[in-house]
PDB file of N, CA and C in Angstrom:
ATOM      1  N   MET A   1      65.810 -39.678  67.284  1.00  0.00           N
ATOM      2  CA  MET A   1      67.112 -39.220  67.663  1.00  0.00           C
ATOM      3  C   MET A   1      67.398 -39.684  69.088  1.00  0.00           C
ATOM      4  N   SER A   2      68.612 -40.036  69.310  1.00  0.00           N
ATOM      5  CA  SER A   2      68.960 -40.542  70.630  1.00  0.00           C
ATOM      6  C   SER A   2      69.225 -39.382  71.584  1.00  0.00           C
ATOM      7  N   PRO A   3      69.115 -39.610  72.888  1.00  0.00           N
ATOM      8  CA  PRO A   3      69.361 -38.543  73.870  1.00  0.00           C
ATOM      9  C   PRO A   3      70.797 -38.018  73.838  1.00  0.00           C
ATOM     10  N   ASN A   4      71.727 -38.842  73.384  1.00  0.00           N
ATOM     11  CA  ASN A   4      73.116 -38.380  73.305  1.00  0.00           C
ATOM     12  C   ASN A   4      73.260 -37.231  72.307  1.00  0.00           C
ATOM     13  N   TRP A   5      72.575 -37.350  71.176  1.00  0.00           N
ATOM     14  CA  TRP A   5      72.626 -36.279  70.174  1.00  0.00           C
ATOM     15  C   TRP A   5      71.980 -35.005  70.707  1.00  0.00           C
ATOM     16  N   LEU A   6      70.921 -35.154  71.464  1.00  0.00           N
ATOM     17  CA  LEU A   6      70.239 -34.006  72.039  1.00  0.00           C
ATOM     18  C   LEU A   6      71.160 -33.258  73.010  1.00  0.00           C
ATOM     19  N   PHE A   7      71.878 -33.987  73.862  1.00  0.00           N
ATOM     20  CA  PHE A   7      72.821 -33.348  74.780  1.00  0.00           C
ATOM     21  C   PHE A   7      73.975 -32.683  74.030  1.00  0.00           C
ATOM     22  N   LEU A   8      74.427 -33.287  72.954  1.00  0.00           N
ATOM     23  CA  LEU A   8      75.500 -32.704  72.154  1.00  0.00           C
ATOM     24  C   LEU A   8      75.036 -31.399  71.506  1.00  0.00           C
ATOM     25  N   ILE A   9      73.837 -31.387  70.978  1.00  0.00           N
ATOM     26  CA  ILE A   9      73.293 -30.172  70.358  1.00  0.00           C
ATOM     27  C   ILE A   9      73.125 -29.072  71.408  1.00  0.00           C
ATOM     28  N   LEU A  10      72.622 -29.412  72.587  1.00  0.00           N
ATOM     29  CA  LEU A  10      72.454 -28.423  73.645  1.00  0.00           C
ATOM     30  C   LEU A  10      73.805 -27.859  74.096  1.00  0.00           C
ATOM     31  N   ALA A  11      74.822 -28.707  74.155  1.00  0.00           N
ATOM     32  CA  ALA A  11      76.151 -28.237  74.549  1.00  0.00           C
ATOM     33  C   ALA A  11      76.728 -27.274  73.506  1.00  0.00           C
ATOM     34  N   VAL A  12      76.525 -27.578  72.240  1.00  0.00           N
ATOM     35  CA  VAL A  12      77.016 -26.704  71.171  1.00  0.00           C
ATOM     36  C   VAL A  12      76.290 -25.362  71.208  1.00  0.00           C
ATOM     37  N   VAL A  13      74.981 -25.404  71.411  1.00  0.00           N
ATOM     38  CA  VAL A  13      74.206 -24.162  71.499  1.00  0.00           C
ATOM     39  C   VAL A  13      74.676 -23.335  72.692  1.00  0.00           C
ATOM     40  N   LEU A  14      74.920 -23.980  73.802  1.00  0.00           N
ATOM     41  CA  LEU A  14      75.410 -23.277  74.986  1.00  0.00           C
ATOM     42  C   LEU A  14      76.735 -22.589  74.701  1.00  0.00           C
ATOM     43  N   VAL A  15      77.628 -23.274  74.049  1.00  0.00           N
ATOM     44  CA  VAL A  15      78.931 -22.697  73.724  1.00  0.00           C
ATOM     45  C   VAL A  15      78.772 -21.525  72.763  1.00  0.00           C
ATOM     46  N   LEU A  16      77.918 -21.677  71.747  1.00  0.00           N
ATOM     47  CA  LEU A  16      77.769 -20.620  70.757  1.00  0.00           C
ATOM     48  C   LEU A  16      77.129 -19.357  71.331  1.00  0.00           C
ATOM     49  N   PHE A  17      76.115 -19.502  72.155  1.00  0.00           N
ATOM     50  CA  PHE A  17      75.350 -18.353  72.606  1.00  0.00           C
ATOM     51  C   PHE A  17      75.756 -17.807  73.974  1.00  0.00           C
ATOM     52  N   VAL A  18      76.550 -18.509  74.733  1.00  0.00           N
ATOM     53  CA  VAL A  18      76.954 -18.017  76.043  1.00  0.00           C
ATOM     54  C   VAL A  18      78.457 -17.794  76.099  1.00  0.00           C
ATOM     55  N   VAL A  19      79.210 -18.779  75.822  1.00  0.00           N
ATOM     56  CA  VAL A  19      80.662 -18.686  75.957  1.00  0.00           C
ATOM     57  C   VAL A  19      81.260 -17.873  74.810  1.00  0.00           C
ATOM     58  N   GLY A  20      80.694 -17.980  73.628  1.00  0.00           N
ATOM     59  CA  GLY A  20      81.204 -17.251  72.463  1.00  0.00           C
ATOM     60  C   GLY A  20      81.206 -15.743  72.656  1.00  0.00           C
ATOM     61  N   PRO A  21      80.056 -15.133  73.002  1.00  0.00           N
ATOM     62  CA  PRO A  21      80.052 -13.674  73.208  1.00  0.00           C
ATOM     63  C   PRO A  21      80.977 -13.216  74.332  1.00  0.00           C
ATOM     64  N   ILE A  22      81.115 -14.013  75.373  1.00  0.00           N
ATOM     65  CA  ILE A  22      82.037 -13.655  76.457  1.00  0.00           C
ATOM     66  C   ILE A  22      83.465 -13.597  75.925  1.00  0.00           C
ATOM     67  N   ALA A  23      83.838 -14.546  75.109  1.00  0.00           N
ATOM     68  CA  ALA A  23      85.182 -14.554  74.529  1.00  0.00           C
ATOM     69  C   ALA A  23      85.380 -13.368  73.590  1.00  0.00           C
ATOM     70  N   VAL A  24      84.345 -13.015  72.828  1.00  0.00           N
ATOM     71  CA  VAL A  24      84.448 -11.879  71.908  1.00  0.00           C
ATOM     72  C   VAL A  24      84.633 -10.584  72.688  1.00  0.00           C
ATOM     73  N   VAL A  25      83.856 -10.389  73.758  1.00  0.00           N
ATOM     74  CA  VAL A  25      83.967  -9.172  74.561  1.00  0.00           C
ATOM     75  C   VAL A  25      85.341  -9.072  75.198  1.00  0.00           C
ATOM     76  N   ARG A  26      85.856 -10.151  75.704  1.00  0.00           N
ATOM     77  CA  ARG A  26      87.189 -10.123  76.319  1.00  0.00           C
ATOM     78  C   ARG A  26      88.268  -9.789  75.287  1.00  0.00           C
ATOM     79  N   SER A  27      88.147 -10.358  74.083  1.00  0.00           N
ATOM     80  CA  SER A  27      89.150 -10.061  73.057  1.00  0.00           C
ATOM     81  C   SER A  27      89.044  -8.612  72.601  1.00  0.00           C
ATOM     82  N   GLN A  28      87.823  -8.051  72.554  1.00  0.00           N
ATOM     83  CA  GLN A  28      87.676  -6.644  72.196  1.00  0.00           C
ATOM     84  C   GLN A  28      88.272  -5.747  73.276  1.00  0.00           C
ATOM     85  N   ARG A  29      88.040  -6.073  74.531  1.00  0.00           N
ATOM     86  CA  ARG A  29      88.620  -5.282  75.615  1.00  0.00           C
ATOM     87  C   ARG A  29      90.140  -5.315  75.571  1.00  0.00           C
ATOM     88  N   LYS A  30      90.673  -6.459  75.257  1.00  0.00           N
ATOM     89  CA  LYS A  30      92.129  -6.580  75.193  1.00  0.00           C
ATOM     90  C   LYS A  30      92.671  -5.772  74.017  1.00  0.00           C
ATOM     91  N   ALA A  31      91.961  -5.773  72.888  1.00  0.00           N
ATOM     92  CA  ALA A  31      92.419  -5.040  71.710  1.00  0.00           C
ATOM     93  C   ALA A  31      92.314  -3.536  71.918  1.00  0.00           C
ATOM     94  N   VAL A  32      91.269  -3.075  72.588  1.00  0.00           N
ATOM     95  CA  VAL A  32      91.052  -1.648  72.774  1.00  0.00           C
ATOM     96  C   VAL A  32      91.733  -1.157  74.036  1.00  0.00           C
ATOM     97  N   GLY A  33      91.934  -2.015  75.001  1.00  0.00           N
ATOM     98  CA  GLY A  33      92.547  -1.614  76.254  1.00  0.00           C
ATOM     99  C   GLY A  33      91.549  -0.937  77.163  1.00  0.00           C
ATOM    100  N   MET A  34      90.340  -1.448  77.208  1.00  0.00           N
ATOM    101  CA  MET A  34      89.286  -0.860  78.027  1.00  0.00           C
ATOM    102  C   MET A  34      89.549  -1.118  79.504  1.00  0.00           C
ATOM    103  N   PRO A  35      88.977  -0.253  80.360  1.00  0.00           N
ATOM    104  CA  PRO A  35      89.112  -0.488  81.794  1.00  0.00           C
ATOM    105  C   PRO A  35      88.451  -1.797  82.188  1.00  0.00           C
ATOM    106  N   GLY A  36      88.950  -2.398  83.188  1.00  0.00           N
ATOM    107  CA  GLY A  36      88.413  -3.675  83.623  1.00  0.00           C
ATOM    108  C   GLY A  36      89.230  -4.842  83.098  1.00  0.00           C
ATOM    109  N   ASP A  37      90.175  -4.548  82.256  1.00  0.00           N
ATOM    110  CA  ASP A  37      91.041  -5.585  81.724  1.00  0.00           C
ATOM    111  C   ASP A  37      92.218  -5.759  82.676  1.00  0.00           C
ATOM    112  N   PRO A  38      92.352  -6.920  83.303  1.00  0.00           N
ATOM    113  CA  PRO A  38      93.441  -7.087  84.267  1.00  0.00           C
ATOM    114  C   PRO A  38      94.817  -7.072  83.620  1.00  0.00           C
ATOM    115  N   ASN A  39      94.899  -7.286  82.304  1.00  0.00           N
ATOM    116  CA  ASN A  39      96.198  -7.304  81.636  1.00  0.00           C
ATOM    117  C   ASN A  39      96.617  -5.924  81.149  1.00  0.00           C
ATOM    118  N   ALA A  40      95.725  -4.938  81.255  1.00  0.00           N
ATOM    119  CA  ALA A  40      96.044  -3.608  80.761  1.00  0.00           C
ATOM    120  C   ALA A  40      97.028  -2.926  81.709  1.00  0.00           C
ATOM    121  N   VAL A  41      97.956  -2.180  81.129  1.00  0.00           N
ATOM    122  CA  VAL A  41      98.928  -1.445  81.917  1.00  0.00           C
ATOM    123  C   VAL A  41      98.310  -0.094  82.264  1.00  0.00           C
ATOM    124  N   PRO A  42      98.188   0.236  83.546  1.00  0.00           N
ATOM    125  CA  PRO A  42      97.578   1.517  83.893  1.00  0.00           C
ATOM    126  C   PRO A  42      98.425   2.696  83.448  1.00  0.00           C
ATOM    127  N   GLY A  43      97.744   3.719  82.943  1.00  0.00           N
ATOM    128  CA  GLY A  43      98.430   4.927  82.529  1.00  0.00           C
ATOM    129  C   GLY A  43      98.919   4.903  81.098  1.00  0.00           C
ATOM    130  N   SER A  44      98.858   3.768  80.422  1.00  0.00           N
ATOM    131  CA  SER A  44      99.292   3.740  79.032  1.00  0.00           C
ATOM    132  C   SER A  44      98.068   3.772  78.136  1.00  0.00           C
ATOM    133  N   PRO A  45      97.995   4.727  77.202  1.00  0.00           N
ATOM    134  CA  PRO A  45      96.836   4.792  76.320  1.00  0.00           C
ATOM    135  C   PRO A  45      96.839   3.623  75.349  1.00  0.00           C
ATOM    136  N   ALA A  46      95.642   3.176  74.991  1.00  0.00           N
ATOM    137  CA  ALA A  46      95.527   2.063  74.059  1.00  0.00           C
ATOM    138  C   ALA A  46      95.832   2.508  72.640  1.00  0.00           C
ATOM    139  N   THR A  47      95.554   3.772  72.320  1.00  0.00           N
ATOM    140  CA  THR A  47      95.824   4.301  70.993  1.00  0.00           C
ATOM    141  C   THR A  47      96.692   5.547  71.141  1.00  0.00           C
ATOM    142  N   PRO A  48      97.472   5.849  70.134  1.00  0.00           N
ATOM    143  CA  PRO A  48      98.313   7.041  70.228  1.00  0.00           C
ATOM    144  C   PRO A  48      97.439   8.295  70.215  1.00  0.00           C
ATOM    145  N   PRO A  49      97.882   9.385  70.824  1.00  0.00           N
ATOM    146  CA  PRO A  49      97.088  10.609  70.840  1.00  0.00           C
ATOM    147  C   PRO A  49      96.910  11.165  69.430  1.00  0.00           C
ATOM    148  N   THR A  50      95.726  11.714  69.162  1.00  0.00           N
ATOM    149  CA  THR A  50      95.411  12.216  67.829  1.00  0.00           C
ATOM    150  C   THR A  50      95.378  13.727  67.765  1.00  0.00           C
ATOM    151  N   GLY A  51      95.540  14.410  68.877  1.00  0.00           N
ATOM    152  CA  GLY A  51      95.455  15.852  68.882  1.00  0.00           C
ATOM    153  C   GLY A  51      94.044  16.350  69.130  1.00  0.00           C
ATOM    154  N   LEU A  52      93.099  15.440  69.318  1.00  0.00           N
ATOM    155  CA  LEU A  52      91.716  15.822  69.563  1.00  0.00           C
ATOM    156  C   LEU A  52      91.370  15.805  71.041  1.00  0.00           C
ATOM    157  N   GLU A  53      92.348  15.548  71.877  1.00  0.00           N
ATOM    158  CA  GLU A  53      92.079  15.519  73.304  1.00  0.00           C
ATOM    159  C   GLU A  53      91.733  16.918  73.788  1.00  0.00           C
ATOM    160  N   ARG A  54      90.783  16.983  74.682  1.00  0.00           N
ATOM    161  CA  ARG A  54      90.317  18.269  75.203  1.00  0.00           C
ATOM    162  C   ARG A  54      90.870  18.481  76.597  1.00  0.00           C
ATOM    163  N   SER A  55      91.551  19.576  76.782  1.00  0.00           N
ATOM    164  CA  SER A  55      92.053  19.897  78.111  1.00  0.00           C
ATOM    165  C   SER A  55      90.903  20.468  78.939  1.00  0.00           C
ATOM    166  N   PRO A  56      90.995  20.409  80.262  1.00  0.00           N
ATOM    167  CA  PRO A  56      89.887  20.877  81.105  1.00  0.00           C
ATOM    168  C   PRO A  56      89.535  22.349  80.899  1.00  0.00           C
ATOM    169  N   GLN A  57      90.503  23.185  80.562  1.00  0.00           N
ATOM    170  CA  GLN A  57      90.211  24.598  80.400  1.00  0.00           C
ATOM    171  C   GLN A  57      89.822  24.957  78.971  1.00  0.00           C
ATOM    172  N   GLU A  58      89.811  24.007  78.047  1.00  0.00           N
ATOM    173  CA  GLU A  58      89.505  24.290  76.648  1.00  0.00           C
ATOM    174  C   GLU A  58      88.012  24.138  76.382  1.00  0.00           C
ATOM    175  N   ALA A  59      87.433  25.090  75.704  1.00  0.00           N
ATOM    176  CA  ALA A  59      86.014  25.064  75.378  1.00  0.00           C
ATOM    177  C   ALA A  59      85.792  24.304  74.064  1.00  0.00           C
ATOM    178  N   HIS A  60      84.547  23.907  73.842  1.00  0.00           N
ATOM    179  CA  HIS A  60      84.204  23.204  72.605  1.00  0.00           C
ATOM    180  C   HIS A  60      84.488  24.092  71.397  1.00  0.00           C
ATOM    181  N   GLU A  61      84.264  25.378  71.546  1.00  0.00           N
ATOM    182  CA  GLU A  61      84.529  26.323  70.462  1.00  0.00           C
ATOM    183  C   GLU A  61      85.998  26.277  70.051  1.00  0.00           C
ATOM    184  N   ASP A  62      86.890  26.186  71.017  1.00  0.00           N
ATOM    185  CA  ASP A  62      88.320  26.137  70.712  1.00  0.00           C
ATOM    186  C   ASP A  62      88.684  24.861  69.949  1.00  0.00           C
ATOM    187  N   ILE A  63      88.061  23.759  70.326  1.00  0.00           N
ATOM    188  CA  ILE A  63      88.322  22.494  69.625  1.00  0.00           C
ATOM    189  C   ILE A  63      87.846  22.591  68.180  1.00  0.00           C
ATOM    190  N   VAL A  64      86.659  23.163  67.978  1.00  0.00           N
ATOM    191  CA  VAL A  64      86.128  23.304  66.620  1.00  0.00           C
ATOM    192  C   VAL A  64      87.027  24.206  65.795  1.00  0.00           C
ATOM    193  N   ARG A  65      87.441  25.333  66.382  1.00  0.00           N
ATOM    194  CA  ARG A  65      88.306  26.254  65.644  1.00  0.00           C
ATOM    195  C   ARG A  65      89.654  25.616  65.312  1.00  0.00           C
ATOM    196  N   ARG A  66      90.160  24.797  66.200  1.00  0.00           N
ATOM    197  CA  ARG A  66      91.463  24.164  65.972  1.00  0.00           C
ATOM    198  C   ARG A  66      91.386  23.049  64.928  1.00  0.00           C
ATOM    199  N   ASN A  67      90.255  22.356  64.841  1.00  0.00           N
ATOM    200  CA  ASN A  67      90.176  21.167  63.988  1.00  0.00           C
ATOM    201  C   ASN A  67      89.175  21.287  62.850  1.00  0.00           C
ATOM    202  N   TRP A  68      88.745  22.476  62.482  1.00  0.00           N
ATOM    203  CA  TRP A  68      87.663  22.584  61.512  1.00  0.00           C
ATOM    204  C   TRP A  68      88.055  22.102  60.131  1.00  0.00           C
ATOM    205  N   GLN A  69      89.328  22.034  59.792  1.00  0.00           N
ATOM    206  CA  GLN A  69      89.749  21.592  58.467  1.00  0.00           C
ATOM    207  C   GLN A  69      90.016  20.094  58.405  1.00  0.00           C
ATOM    208  N   ARG A  70      89.953  19.400  59.529  1.00  0.00           N
ATOM    209  CA  ARG A  70      90.223  17.964  59.531  1.00  0.00           C
ATOM    210  C   ARG A  70      88.994  17.214  59.052  1.00  0.00           C
ATOM    211  N   PRO A  71      89.136  16.330  58.074  1.00  0.00           N
ATOM    212  CA  PRO A  71      87.967  15.613  57.565  1.00  0.00           C
ATOM    213  C   PRO A  71      87.433  14.618  58.597  1.00  0.00           C
ATOM    214  N   GLY A  72      86.118  14.585  58.717  1.00  0.00           N
ATOM    215  CA  GLY A  72      85.464  13.629  59.585  1.00  0.00           C
ATOM    216  C   GLY A  72      85.511  13.966  61.058  1.00  0.00           C
ATOM    217  N   VAL A  73      86.068  15.104  61.430  1.00  0.00           N
ATOM    218  CA  VAL A  73      86.188  15.448  62.841  1.00  0.00           C
ATOM    219  C   VAL A  73      85.016  16.312  63.284  1.00  0.00           C
ATOM    220  N   VAL A  74      84.741  17.364  62.530  1.00  0.00           N
ATOM    221  CA  VAL A  74      83.684  18.296  62.883  1.00  0.00           C
ATOM    222  C   VAL A  74      82.697  18.337  61.737  1.00  0.00           C
ATOM    223  N   VAL A  75      81.449  18.019  62.036  1.00  0.00           N
ATOM    224  CA  VAL A  75      80.421  18.073  61.011  1.00  0.00           C
ATOM    225  C   VAL A  75      80.119  19.541  60.744  1.00  0.00           C
ATOM    226  N   ASN A  76      80.113  19.912  59.472  1.00  0.00           N
ATOM    227  CA  ASN A  76      79.860  21.295  59.077  1.00  0.00           C
ATOM    228  C   ASN A  76      80.768  22.245  59.851  1.00  0.00           C
ATOM    229  N   GLY A  77      82.052  21.959  59.834  1.00  0.00           N
ATOM    230  CA  GLY A  77      83.000  22.765  60.590  1.00  0.00           C
ATOM    231  C   GLY A  77      82.989  24.222  60.196  1.00  0.00           C
ATOM    232  N   VAL A  78      82.871  24.503  58.906  1.00  0.00           N
ATOM    233  CA  VAL A  78      82.868  25.882  58.466  1.00  0.00           C
ATOM    234  C   VAL A  78      81.634  26.583  59.012  1.00  0.00           C
ATOM    235  N   THR A  79      80.507  25.909  59.010  1.00  0.00           N
ATOM    236  CA  THR A  79      79.278  26.491  59.530  1.00  0.00           C
ATOM    237  C   THR A  79      79.399  26.755  61.021  1.00  0.00           C
ATOM    238  N   LEU A  80      79.972  25.828  61.765  1.00  0.00           N
ATOM    239  CA  LEU A  80      80.146  26.030  63.199  1.00  0.00           C
ATOM    240  C   LEU A  80      81.081  27.191  63.496  1.00  0.00           C
ATOM    241  N   VAL A  81      82.181  27.286  62.769  1.00  0.00           N
ATOM    242  CA  VAL A  81      83.110  28.389  62.991  1.00  0.00           C
ATOM    243  C   VAL A  81      82.432  29.707  62.638  1.00  0.00           C
ATOM    244  N   ASP A  82      81.660  29.723  61.556  1.00  0.00           N
ATOM    245  CA  ASP A  82      80.925  30.932  61.184  1.00  0.00           C
ATOM    246  C   ASP A  82      79.912  31.298  62.269  1.00  0.00           C
ATOM    247  N   LEU A  83      79.237  30.300  62.810  1.00  0.00           N
ATOM    248  CA  LEU A  83      78.276  30.554  63.879  1.00  0.00           C
ATOM    249  C   LEU A  83      78.972  31.112  65.120  1.00  0.00           C
ATOM    250  N   TYR A  84      80.110  30.551  65.481  1.00  0.00           N
ATOM    251  CA  TYR A  84      80.861  31.071  66.626  1.00  0.00           C
ATOM    252  C   TYR A  84      81.306  32.515  66.377  1.00  0.00           C
ATOM    253  N   ASN A  85      81.707  32.850  65.145  1.00  0.00           N
ATOM    254  CA  ASN A  85      82.097  34.218  64.826  1.00  0.00           C
ATOM    255  C   ASN A  85      80.913  35.168  64.968  1.00  0.00           C
ATOM    256  N   ARG A  86      79.746  34.750  64.505  1.00  0.00           N
ATOM    257  CA  ARG A  86      78.560  35.593  64.615  1.00  0.00           C
ATOM    258  C   ARG A  86      78.164  35.799  66.079  1.00  0.00           C
ATOM    259  N   ILE A  87      78.244  34.744  66.873  1.00  0.00           N
ATOM    260  CA  ILE A  87      77.913  34.867  68.297  1.00  0.00           C
ATOM    261  C   ILE A  87      78.875  35.842  68.977  1.00  0.00           C
ATOM    262  N   ARG A  88      80.152  35.718  68.665  1.00  0.00           N
ATOM    263  CA  ARG A  88      81.145  36.625  69.261  1.00  0.00           C
ATOM    264  C   ARG A  88      80.866  38.074  68.856  1.00  0.00           C
ATOM    265  N   ALA A  89      80.511  38.309  67.576  1.00  0.00           N
ATOM    266  CA  ALA A  89      80.197  39.665  67.116  1.00  0.00           C
ATOM    267  C   ALA A  89      78.951  40.201  67.820  1.00  0.00           C
ATOM    268  N   LEU A  90      77.933  39.352  68.009  1.00  0.00           N
ATOM    269  CA  LEU A  90      76.730  39.788  68.717  1.00  0.00           C
ATOM    270  C   LEU A  90      77.028  40.121  70.170  1.00  0.00           C
ATOM    271  N   GLU A  91      77.876  39.331  70.811  1.00  0.00           N
ATOM    272  CA  GLU A  91      78.245  39.611  72.203  1.00  0.00           C
ATOM    273  C   GLU A  91      78.987  40.940  72.313  1.00  0.00           C
ATOM    274  N   GLU A  92      79.843  41.238  71.332  1.00  0.00           N
ATOM    275  CA  GLU A  92      80.549  42.517  71.346  1.00  0.00           C
ATOM    276  C   GLU A  92      79.583  43.675  71.135  1.00  0.00           C
ATOM    277  N   ARG A  93      78.629  43.519  70.205  1.00  0.00           N
ATOM    278  CA  ARG A  93      77.625  44.572  69.991  1.00  0.00           C
ATOM    279  C   ARG A  93      76.779  44.781  71.236  1.00  0.00           C
ATOM    280  N   LEU A  94      76.418  43.706  71.923  1.00  0.00           N
ATOM    281  CA  LEU A  94      75.629  43.827  73.150  1.00  0.00           C
ATOM    282  C   LEU A  94      76.413  44.548  74.241  1.00  0.00           C
ATOM    283  N   ALA A  95      77.700  44.230  74.356  1.00  0.00           N
ATOM    284  CA  ALA A  95      78.526  44.899  75.364  1.00  0.00           C
ATOM    285  C   ALA A  95      78.634  46.389  75.067  1.00  0.00           C
ATOM    286  N   ARG A  96      78.793  46.753  73.781  1.00  0.00           N
ATOM    287  CA  ARG A  96      78.844  48.173  73.419  1.00  0.00           C
ATOM    288  C   ARG A  96      77.510  48.855  73.690  1.00  0.00           C
ATOM    289  N   ALA A  97      76.400  48.179  73.385  1.00  0.00           N
ATOM    290  CA  ALA A  97      75.080  48.766  73.602  1.00  0.00           C
ATOM    291  C   ALA A  97      74.806  48.948  75.089  1.00  0.00           C
ATOM    292  N   GLU A  98      75.291  48.056  75.931  1.00  0.00           N
ATOM    293  CA  GLU A  98      75.082  48.182  77.371  1.00  0.00           C
ATOM    294  C   GLU A  98      75.905  49.326  77.953  1.00  0.00           C
ATOM    295  N   GLN A  99      77.009  49.678  77.329  1.00  0.00           N
ATOM    296  CA  GLN A  99      77.852  50.761  77.830  1.00  0.00           C
ATOM    297  C   GLN A  99      77.290  52.134  77.476  1.00  0.00           C
ATOM    298  N   GLN A 100      76.490  52.214  76.416  1.00  0.00           N
ATOM    299  CA  GLN A 100      75.914  53.497  76.014  1.00  0.00           C
ATOM    300  C   GLN A 100      74.790  53.869  76.976  1.00  0.00           C
ATOM    301  N   PRO A 101      74.609  55.166  77.205  1.00  0.00           N
ATOM    302  CA  PRO A 101      73.516  55.588  78.092  1.00  0.00           C
ATOM    303  C   PRO A 101      72.172  55.268  77.436  1.00  0.00           C
ATOM    304  N   PRO A 102      71.182  54.922  78.240  1.00  0.00           N
ATOM    305  CA  PRO A 102      69.874  54.594  77.657  1.00  0.00           C
ATOM    306  C   PRO A 102      69.202  55.832  77.089  1.00  0.00           C
ATOM    307  N   THR A 103      68.517  55.643  75.994  1.00  0.00           N
ATOM    308  CA  THR A 103      67.787  56.754  75.382  1.00  0.00           C
ATOM    309  C   THR A 103      66.391  56.807  75.981  1.00  0.00           C
ATOM    310  N   PRO A 104      65.865  58.016  76.187  1.00  0.00           N
ATOM    311  CA  PRO A 104      64.514  58.101  76.759  1.00  0.00           C
ATOM    312  C   PRO A 104      63.486  57.619  75.729  1.00  0.00           C
ATOM    313  N   PRO A 105      62.407  57.013  76.187  1.00  0.00           N
ATOM    314  CA  PRO A 105      61.397  56.528  75.243  1.00  0.00           C
ATOM    315  C   PRO A 105      60.694  57.699  74.560  1.00  0.00           C
ATOM    316  N   GLN A 106      60.357  57.521  73.323  1.00  0.00           N
ATOM    317  CA  GLN A 106      59.670  58.582  72.570  1.00  0.00           C
ATOM    318  C   GLN A 106      58.172  58.490  72.833  1.00  0.00           C
ATOM    319  N   PRO A 107      57.527  59.670  73.005  1.00  0.00           N
ATOM    320  CA  PRO A 107      56.085  59.637  73.284  1.00  0.00           C
ATOM    321  C   PRO A 107      55.255  59.309  72.080  1.00  0.00           C
TER     322      PRO A 107
END
């Protein structure tokens, strides 16, 4: 094989393994609107809001309770909501037990 073919093969390999992935990453950033994209408009979301955004004062429990019927959003949503209900009931029982006067220990 002549050296010209060797240089051509090396150039093709360079393009495939170095320049190709860089182009793919840039096109993905442009499609998703990731930070670092100089063409992205600041303040505009890349996708429309879905209602799953969490406000700073909202707890994870509130998100689960709000979205438990949505498919693919919360794994075992019914189980999580049931668990949150049980935790809340236990916290209420503990608060009631703490308010009652302590009983003396039996000998």
